[in-house]
């Protein structure tokens, strides 16, 4: 497509000479703008994907894909109902649970918490919980004599396995002197850490039988927590479960519970993509301006080439190569920097934190204990193609201007 003469002239025009120093500076700014735009866009998209995947994995791993509750608030005959749900195609598990809010006190520290009553066998099937026990063991929990708390709660209250934690229920016991808060002390059997501050800081797991006693729900549970094979097919799975269990129950799936949260993430992701695309658009305008200045500076040379037999097409291809090469090299460098940064972003964060001493990623604010990044290669290809298209379009305008120069008009007064 490009012959040797055209490549030679394009390379000659790209080389900086003293009288063309300002043009060269603009070319370097164009290169830097395209490189930074591509790299930043790849990094931001990877981080947004990482946030969504990490939060989705932890939220669904801890909370399940759908909850089946009764219209009368508590579920009776829950074992039979769970068996009916497990028989539905696509359902992996159906676990009876009890949930309740409590006040937790230990070592003169108090805070709110959410207690989840779960059978030991069902707890062990939750890989995100059972595989992330960082202290203690499940023996006490399995025997029904202990609770499991999150790592952040344990650190905040200076608790270790074997320590005691007191739970205070807002539903107190009636007495002649009024309502007395219901309190009970439990031993800490184990400590888990799933990497999401909300769960590690405020969740307490208790054997289901003990939760029924503490919350006075003998023979009933709060809900049936259902896990399915494909969380993205939760709507069709919920319809199948509804047909299987009949009326009198409500089904709340994870997409409805967390719709506002994930919608906000998607909106933020789209807005960031649009804003960062403008960086590459500005760099493309720099390519146009630098190439137009180069064409004006090389007008005499273009006219001489035309008189020596160079065609309009040859001139167009020469100046198209000079602009497109800036976009091509900038896109390649930006892709390499963005991919390398995204793949090592947590190590880079730790390194910067060790140098500055500042906490760049507070888990209390961002919910996660580490900075995630997931590269979606289709998005990377989209960013690269978009950057190349913008660069090529920006190169065509000054190239056509160079090709339309009339050598007679340029050399008339020379």
Protein backbone atom coordinates (compact mmCIF):
# COMPACT_ATOMS: atom_id res chain seq x y z
CA UNK A 1 0.00 0.00 0.00
CA UNK A 2 2.90 2.38 0.79
CA UNK A 3 6.02 2.24 -1.39
CA UNK A 4 9.57 2.81 -0.20
CA UNK A 5 9.71 6.44 -1.34
CA UNK A 6 6.56 7.33 0.60
CA UNK A 7 7.84 5.65 3.76
CA UNK A 8 11.21 7.42 3.43
CA UNK A 9 9.60 10.85 3.06
CA UNK A 10 7.18 10.24 5.95
CA UNK A 11 10.09 9.24 8.23
CA UNK A 12 12.06 12.30 7.11
CA UNK A 13 9.18 14.63 7.94
CA UNK A 14 8.76 13.03 11.39
CA UNK A 15 12.39 13.70 12.35
CA UNK A 16 12.92 16.83 14.38
CA UNK A 17 15.05 19.61 12.96
CA UNK A 18 16.01 22.82 14.72
CA UNK A 19 13.70 25.06 12.72
CA UNK A 20 10.83 22.61 13.19
CA UNK A 21 11.25 22.16 16.94
CA UNK A 22 7.85 23.53 17.87
CA UNK A 23 6.12 21.10 15.50
CA UNK A 24 8.05 18.23 17.04
CA UNK A 25 6.95 19.27 20.53
CA UNK A 26 3.30 19.16 19.44
CA UNK A 27 3.86 15.72 17.90
CA UNK A 28 5.28 14.47 21.21
CA UNK A 29 2.33 15.93 23.08
CA UNK A 30 -0.01 14.14 20.66
CA UNK A 31 1.84 10.88 21.24
CA UNK A 32 1.70 11.34 25.03
CA UNK A 33 -1.99 12.25 24.94
CA UNK A 34 -2.95 9.15 22.94
CA UNK A 35 -0.74 6.91 25.08
CA UNK A 36 -2.15 8.25 28.37
CA UNK A 37 -5.71 8.15 27.07
CA UNK A 38 -5.46 4.51 25.99
CA UNK A 39 -3.61 3.44 29.15
CA UNK A 40 -6.00 5.27 31.49
CA UNK A 41 -9.07 3.92 29.75
CA UNK A 42 -7.79 0.33 29.93
CA UNK A 43 -6.87 0.71 33.62
CA UNK A 44 -10.16 2.33 34.63
CA UNK A 45 -12.25 -0.24 32.77
CA UNK A 46 -10.24 -3.06 34.36
CA UNK A 47 -10.73 -1.61 37.85
CA UNK A 48 -14.47 -1.10 37.29
CA UNK A 49 -14.76 -4.69 36.04
CA UNK A 50 -12.77 -5.87 39.04
CA UNK A 51 -15.01 -3.99 41.45
CA UNK A 52 -18.13 -5.49 39.93
CA UNK A 53 -16.76 -9.04 39.84
CA UNK A 54 -15.35 -8.90 43.37
CA UNK A 55 -18.49 -7.40 44.87
CA UNK A 56 -20.72 -9.76 42.92
CA UNK A 57 -18.69 -12.80 44.01
CA UNK A 58 -18.74 -11.82 47.66
CA UNK A 59 -22.34 -10.61 47.80
CA UNK A 60 -23.66 -13.73 46.09
CA UNK A 61 -21.28 -16.04 47.91
CA UNK A 62 -22.41 -14.79 51.31
CA UNK A 63 -26.08 -13.94 50.69
CA UNK A 64 -27.23 -16.42 48.08
CA UNK A 65 -29.05 -15.84 44.82
CA UNK A 66 -32.63 -15.63 46.08
CA UNK A 67 -34.57 -15.75 49.34
CA UNK A 68 -37.93 -17.44 49.73
CA UNK A 69 -40.01 -15.98 52.56
CA UNK A 70 -43.58 -16.58 53.70
CA UNK A 71 -46.26 -13.93 53.59
CA UNK A 72 -46.68 -14.44 57.35
CA UNK A 73 -43.01 -13.41 57.95
CA UNK A 74 -41.83 -16.78 59.29
CA UNK A 75 -41.54 -20.04 57.35
CA UNK A 76 -43.04 -23.13 58.96
CA UNK A 77 -42.34 -26.70 57.83
CA UNK A 78 -39.15 -25.31 56.28
CA UNK A 79 -37.46 -28.66 55.67
CA UNK A 80 -40.26 -29.80 53.36
CA UNK A 81 -40.21 -26.44 51.57
CA UNK A 82 -36.43 -26.63 51.13
CA UNK A 83 -36.77 -30.13 49.68
CA UNK A 84 -39.32 -28.87 47.15
CA UNK A 85 -36.97 -26.06 46.11
CA UNK A 86 -33.97 -28.40 45.76
CA UNK A 87 -35.98 -30.54 43.35
CA UNK A 88 -36.21 -27.63 40.89
CA UNK A 89 -33.83 -27.88 37.95
CA UNK A 90 -30.86 -25.53 38.26
CA UNK A 91 -31.05 -25.18 42.04
CA UNK A 92 -27.79 -26.05 43.81
CA UNK A 93 -28.86 -25.67 47.44
CA UNK A 94 -31.70 -24.42 49.63
CA UNK A 95 -30.75 -23.60 53.22
CA UNK A 96 -33.11 -22.51 56.03
CA UNK A 97 -31.80 -19.38 57.75
CA UNK A 98 -32.70 -17.01 60.56
CA UNK A 99 -31.63 -13.38 60.45
CA UNK A 100 -31.78 -10.82 63.19
CA UNK A 101 -30.12 -7.60 64.26
CA UNK A 102 -28.39 -7.46 67.63
CA UNK A 103 -26.11 -5.31 69.72
CA UNK A 104 -22.71 -6.93 70.28
CA UNK A 105 -20.47 -6.22 73.26
CA UNK A 106 -17.03 -7.55 74.14
CA UNK A 107 -14.07 -6.07 76.00
CA UNK A 108 -15.95 -2.81 76.58
CA UNK A 109 -16.62 -2.34 72.86
CA UNK A 110 -20.18 -2.32 71.51
CA UNK A 111 -21.62 -2.14 68.00
CA UNK A 112 -24.49 -3.35 65.89
CA UNK A 113 -24.32 -6.64 64.03
CA UNK A 114 -26.38 -9.02 61.93
CA UNK A 115 -26.77 -12.57 63.21
CA UNK A 116 -27.39 -15.31 60.66
CA UNK A 117 -28.51 -18.67 61.91
CA UNK A 118 -27.36 -21.46 59.62
CA UNK A 119 -26.94 -25.20 59.92
CA UNK A 120 -23.29 -26.28 60.14
CA UNK A 121 -23.65 -28.45 57.02
CA UNK A 122 -25.01 -25.50 55.05
CA UNK A 123 -22.23 -23.25 56.35
CA UNK A 124 -19.59 -25.73 55.17
CA UNK A 125 -21.11 -25.71 51.69
CA UNK A 126 -20.48 -21.94 51.45
CA UNK A 127 -16.95 -22.05 50.09
CA UNK A 128 -16.43 -18.31 50.47
CA UNK A 129 -17.02 -18.71 54.22
CA UNK A 130 -15.74 -22.20 55.05
CA UNK A 131 -12.55 -21.77 52.98
CA UNK A 132 -11.72 -18.41 54.55
CA UNK A 133 -11.52 -19.32 58.23
CA UNK A 134 -8.42 -17.46 59.42
CA UNK A 135 -8.50 -18.49 63.09
CA UNK A 136 -10.11 -21.30 65.07
CA UNK A 137 -12.08 -24.18 63.60
CA UNK A 138 -15.59 -25.35 62.87
CA UNK A 139 -15.70 -27.97 65.65
CA UNK A 140 -17.39 -25.71 68.19
CA UNK A 141 -19.79 -24.34 65.59
CA UNK A 142 -20.68 -27.86 64.42
CA UNK A 143 -21.35 -28.90 68.01
CA UNK A 144 -23.69 -25.95 68.41
CA UNK A 145 -21.62 -24.32 71.14
CA UNK A 146 -20.01 -21.36 69.42
CA UNK A 147 -20.41 -18.57 66.87
CA UNK A 148 -18.27 -17.42 63.94
CA UNK A 149 -17.44 -13.73 63.58
CA UNK A 150 -15.67 -11.59 60.96
CA UNK A 151 -12.02 -10.63 61.16
CA UNK A 152 -12.63 -6.90 61.42
CA UNK A 153 -15.07 -7.37 64.26
CA UNK A 154 -12.54 -9.62 66.01
CA UNK A 155 -9.78 -7.01 65.70
CA UNK A 156 -12.06 -4.18 66.77
CA UNK A 157 -13.20 -6.05 69.87
CA UNK A 158 -9.85 -7.74 70.59
CA UNK A 159 -11.39 -11.21 70.27
CA UNK A 160 -9.78 -14.54 69.51
CA UNK A 161 -11.19 -18.08 69.25
CA UNK A 162 -12.34 -19.11 72.70
CA UNK A 163 -13.23 -15.57 73.75
CA UNK A 164 -16.74 -14.59 74.78
CA UNK A 165 -19.08 -12.24 72.97
CA UNK A 166 -22.41 -11.00 74.35
CA UNK A 167 -25.43 -10.55 72.09
CA UNK A 168 -28.26 -8.21 73.09
CA UNK A 169 -31.56 -8.58 71.25
CA UNK A 170 -33.79 -5.52 70.74
CA UNK A 171 -36.79 -7.78 71.46
CA UNK A 172 -36.54 -7.97 75.23
CA UNK A 173 -38.20 -10.14 77.85
CA UNK A 174 -41.27 -8.74 79.66
CA UNK A 175 -40.94 -8.35 83.44
CA UNK A 176 -42.77 -6.59 86.30
CA UNK A 177 -40.33 -3.73 85.86
CA UNK A 178 -40.87 -3.42 82.09
CA UNK A 179 -39.12 -4.94 79.12
CA UNK A 180 -35.66 -6.27 79.92
CA UNK A 181 -33.24 -6.67 77.02
CA UNK A 182 -32.51 -10.30 76.18
CA UNK A 183 -28.80 -11.04 76.54
CA UNK A 184 -26.70 -14.12 76.07
CA UNK A 185 -22.97 -14.80 75.91
CA UNK A 186 -21.43 -17.10 73.28
CA UNK A 187 -17.93 -18.39 72.73
CA UNK A 188 -16.15 -17.47 69.51
CA UNK A 189 -15.49 -20.73 67.67
CA UNK A 190 -13.81 -19.30 64.58
CA UNK A 191 -13.04 -16.09 62.67
CA UNK A 192 -13.65 -15.68 58.93
CA UNK A 193 -12.40 -13.12 56.43
CA UNK A 194 -14.06 -12.80 53.02
CA UNK A 195 -12.31 -9.53 52.07
CA UNK A 196 -15.42 -7.32 52.14
CA UNK A 197 -15.45 -4.96 55.10
CA UNK A 198 -19.23 -4.93 55.54
CA UNK A 199 -19.32 -8.68 56.12
CA UNK A 200 -16.05 -8.95 58.03
CA UNK A 201 -17.13 -6.16 60.37
CA UNK A 202 -20.78 -6.89 61.13
CA UNK A 203 -21.76 -10.52 60.37
CA UNK A 204 -22.06 -13.23 63.02
CA UNK A 205 -22.88 -16.83 62.11
CA UNK A 206 -24.70 -18.94 64.68
CA UNK A 207 -25.95 -22.55 64.55
CA UNK A 208 -29.56 -22.58 63.40
CA UNK A 209 -30.85 -24.30 66.57
CA UNK A 210 -29.19 -21.69 68.77
CA UNK A 211 -30.55 -18.86 66.63
CA UNK A 212 -34.08 -20.25 66.96
CA UNK A 213 -33.70 -20.20 70.76
CA UNK A 214 -32.14 -16.73 70.91
CA UNK A 215 -34.65 -15.07 68.58
CA UNK A 216 -37.59 -17.11 69.96
CA UNK A 217 -38.44 -18.71 66.64
CA UNK A 218 -38.92 -22.29 67.74
CA UNK A 219 -39.81 -24.52 64.81
CA UNK A 220 -39.70 -21.70 62.24
CA UNK A 221 -37.09 -19.81 60.20
CA UNK A 222 -36.91 -16.40 58.56
CA UNK A 223 -36.36 -17.60 54.98
CA UNK A 224 -34.98 -20.27 52.68
CA UNK A 225 -31.77 -19.10 51.01
CA UNK A 226 -31.41 -20.56 47.52
CA UNK A 227 -28.28 -20.93 45.39
CA UNK A 228 -28.58 -21.66 41.67
CA UNK A 229 -26.12 -22.75 38.98
CA UNK A 230 -26.18 -19.54 36.92
CA UNK A 231 -26.85 -16.31 38.88
CA UNK A 232 -27.53 -14.40 35.64
CA UNK A 233 -30.56 -16.67 35.03
CA UNK A 234 -32.12 -15.83 38.37
CA UNK A 235 -35.40 -14.57 36.87
CA UNK A 236 -36.19 -17.84 35.09
CA UNK A 237 -35.04 -19.84 38.15
CA UNK A 238 -37.28 -17.76 40.42
CA UNK A 239 -40.25 -18.45 38.13
CA UNK A 240 -39.55 -22.20 38.28
CA UNK A 241 -39.28 -22.11 42.08
CA UNK A 242 -42.53 -20.13 42.33
CA UNK A 243 -44.34 -22.76 40.27
CA UNK A 244 -42.92 -25.53 42.45
CA UNK A 245 -43.82 -24.10 45.87
CA UNK A 246 -47.17 -22.52 44.98
CA UNK A 247 -48.79 -19.40 46.49
CA UNK A 248 -48.21 -17.95 49.94
CA UNK A 249 -44.51 -17.20 49.47
CA UNK A 250 -42.44 -14.27 48.28
CA UNK A 251 -39.22 -14.61 46.27
CA UNK A 252 -36.61 -11.87 46.39
CA UNK A 253 -33.64 -12.33 44.03
CA UNK A 254 -30.19 -10.75 44.25
CA UNK A 255 -30.72 -8.45 41.27
CA UNK A 256 -33.67 -6.76 42.92
CA UNK A 257 -31.99 -6.52 46.30
CA UNK A 258 -28.81 -4.99 44.87
CA UNK A 259 -30.26 -3.29 41.78
CA UNK A 260 -29.44 0.26 42.90
CA UNK A 261 -25.88 -0.70 43.80
CA UNK A 262 -25.00 -2.43 40.53
CA UNK A 263 -26.90 0.12 38.43
CA UNK A 264 -24.82 2.88 40.02
CA UNK A 265 -21.64 0.95 39.21
CA UNK A 266 -22.71 0.53 35.58
CA UNK A 267 -23.62 4.21 35.21
CA UNK A 268 -20.29 5.26 36.73
CA UNK A 269 -18.47 2.90 34.40
CA UNK A 270 -20.20 4.32 31.30
CA UNK A 271 -19.56 7.91 32.40
CA UNK A 272 -15.88 7.21 33.05
CA UNK A 273 -15.58 5.60 29.60
CA UNK A 274 -17.09 8.70 28.00
CA UNK A 275 -14.92 11.15 29.95
CA UNK A 276 -11.69 9.27 29.26
CA UNK A 277 -12.56 8.95 25.57
CA UNK A 278 -12.44 12.75 25.44
CA UNK A 279 -8.75 12.55 26.37
CA UNK A 280 -8.05 10.60 23.20
CA UNK A 281 -10.26 13.00 21.23
CA UNK A 282 -8.16 15.95 22.46
CA UNK A 283 -5.01 14.05 21.49
CA UNK A 284 -6.51 13.48 18.04
CA UNK A 285 -7.03 17.24 17.67
CA UNK A 286 -3.37 17.68 18.58
CA UNK A 287 -2.51 15.31 15.73
CA UNK A 288 -4.58 17.43 13.34
CA UNK A 289 -2.97 20.69 14.46
CA UNK A 290 0.58 19.33 14.33
CA UNK A 291 0.04 17.83 10.88
CA UNK A 292 -1.52 21.02 9.50
CA UNK A 293 1.48 23.00 10.78
CA UNK A 294 3.80 20.41 9.22
CA UNK A 295 1.97 20.70 5.88
CA UNK A 296 2.25 24.50 5.96
CA UNK A 297 5.95 24.29 6.83
CA UNK A 298 6.61 21.74 4.07
CA UNK A 299 4.51 23.47 1.40
CA UNK A 300 7.56 24.29 -0.76
CA UNK A 301 8.85 20.73 -0.49
CA UNK A 302 5.42 19.38 -1.44
CA UNK A 303 5.31 21.65 -4.47
CA UNK A 304 8.78 20.53 -5.58
CA UNK A 305 7.77 16.87 -5.18
CA UNK A 306 4.71 17.52 -7.32
CA UNK A 307 6.81 19.13 -10.07
CA UNK A 308 9.13 16.12 -9.96
CA UNK A 309 6.23 13.76 -10.68
CA UNK A 310 4.74 12.91 -7.28
CA UNK A 311 0.98 12.37 -7.54
CA UNK A 312 -1.69 13.69 -5.20
CA UNK A 313 -2.16 10.16 -3.92
CA UNK A 314 1.52 9.88 -3.02
CA UNK A 315 1.46 13.17 -1.10
CA UNK A 316 -1.72 12.11 0.72
CA UNK A 317 -0.19 8.78 1.74
CA UNK A 318 3.06 10.42 2.92
CA UNK A 319 1.30 12.80 5.31
CA UNK A 320 -1.22 10.19 6.31
CA UNK A 321 1.67 8.01 7.44
CA UNK A 322 3.23 10.81 9.47
CA UNK A 323 0.00 11.34 11.43
CA UNK A 324 -1.06 7.69 11.62
CA UNK A 325 2.37 6.63 12.91
CA UNK A 326 1.91 8.93 15.93
CA UNK A 327 -1.46 7.36 16.66
CA UNK A 328 -0.19 3.82 16.05
CA UNK A 329 2.86 4.12 18.31
CA UNK A 330 0.88 6.01 20.97
CA UNK A 331 -1.84 3.35 20.98
CA UNK A 332 0.71 0.52 21.18
CA UNK A 333 2.59 2.17 24.04
CA UNK A 334 -0.64 3.04 25.87
CA UNK A 335 -1.92 -0.52 25.53
CA UNK A 336 1.30 -1.97 26.92
CA UNK A 337 1.35 0.47 29.84
CA UNK A 338 -2.36 0.01 30.61
CA UNK A 339 -2.27 -3.79 30.52
CA UNK A 340 0.91 -3.98 32.62
CA UNK A 341 -0.47 -1.49 35.17
CA UNK A 342 -3.83 -3.27 35.43
CA UNK A 343 -2.21 -6.68 35.91
CA UNK A 344 0.00 -5.37 38.74
CA UNK A 345 -2.23 -2.66 40.21
CA UNK A 346 -2.34 -4.10 43.74
CA UNK A 347 1.47 -4.39 43.91
CA UNK A 348 1.79 -0.83 42.62
CA UNK A 349 -0.69 0.39 45.23
CA UNK A 350 1.22 -1.31 48.02
CA UNK A 351 4.47 0.19 46.74
CA UNK A 352 3.05 3.72 46.59
CA UNK A 353 1.54 3.30 50.06
CA UNK A 354 4.91 2.20 51.46
CA UNK A 355 6.54 5.31 49.96
CA UNK A 356 3.92 7.88 50.96
CA UNK A 357 2.53 6.29 54.11
CA UNK A 358 -1.00 7.17 52.97
CA UNK A 359 -3.90 4.73 52.80
CA UNK A 360 -4.84 4.83 49.11
CA UNK A 361 -7.61 2.26 49.34
CA UNK A 362 -9.56 2.38 52.59
CA UNK A 363 -11.53 -0.85 52.95
CA UNK A 364 -14.14 0.90 55.10
CA UNK A 365 -14.97 3.20 52.19
CA UNK A 366 -14.54 0.89 49.19
CA UNK A 367 -15.91 -2.29 50.87
CA UNK A 368 -12.99 -4.41 49.58
CA UNK A 369 -9.66 -5.08 51.28
CA UNK A 370 -7.66 -5.08 48.02
CA UNK A 371 -7.80 -3.11 44.77
CA UNK A 372 -9.25 -5.42 42.11
CA UNK A 373 -8.67 -5.28 38.36
CA UNK A 374 -10.06 -7.66 35.73
CA UNK A 375 -9.02 -7.21 32.11
CA UNK A 376 -11.80 -7.79 29.60
CA UNK A 377 -9.89 -8.40 26.38
CA UNK A 378 -12.87 -7.47 24.22
CA UNK A 379 -12.88 -4.05 25.92
CA UNK A 380 -9.13 -3.71 25.44
CA UNK A 381 -9.56 -4.42 21.71
CA UNK A 382 -12.41 -1.90 21.56
CA UNK A 383 -10.24 0.80 23.16
CA UNK A 384 -7.34 0.06 20.80
CA UNK A 385 -9.56 0.09 17.71
CA UNK A 386 -11.24 3.33 18.82
CA UNK A 387 -7.87 5.02 19.39
CA UNK A 388 -6.59 3.90 15.99
CA UNK A 389 -9.74 5.06 14.22
CA UNK A 390 -9.55 8.49 15.87
CA UNK A 391 -5.86 8.79 14.97
CA UNK A 392 -6.42 7.74 11.36
CA UNK A 393 -9.35 10.11 10.95
CA UNK A 394 -7.27 12.93 12.42
CA UNK A 395 -4.47 12.15 9.94
CA UNK A 396 -6.68 12.19 6.85
CA UNK A 397 -7.70 15.87 7.13
CA UNK A 398 -4.18 17.41 6.93
CA UNK A 399 -3.10 14.72 4.42
CA UNK A 400 -5.90 15.76 2.06
CA UNK A 401 -4.92 19.40 2.58
CA UNK A 402 -1.35 18.55 1.56
CA UNK A 403 -2.54 16.62 -1.50
CA UNK A 404 -4.66 19.56 -2.70
CA UNK A 405 -1.79 22.07 -2.62
CA UNK A 406 -1.25 23.64 -6.06
CA UNK A 407 2.52 23.72 -6.83
CA UNK A 408 2.04 26.70 -9.17
CA UNK A 409 0.48 28.81 -6.41
CA UNK A 410 3.12 27.77 -3.89
CA UNK A 411 6.12 28.45 -6.17
CA UNK A 412 4.78 31.50 -7.98
CA UNK A 413 6.74 34.03 -5.92
CA UNK A 414 9.77 31.85 -5.20
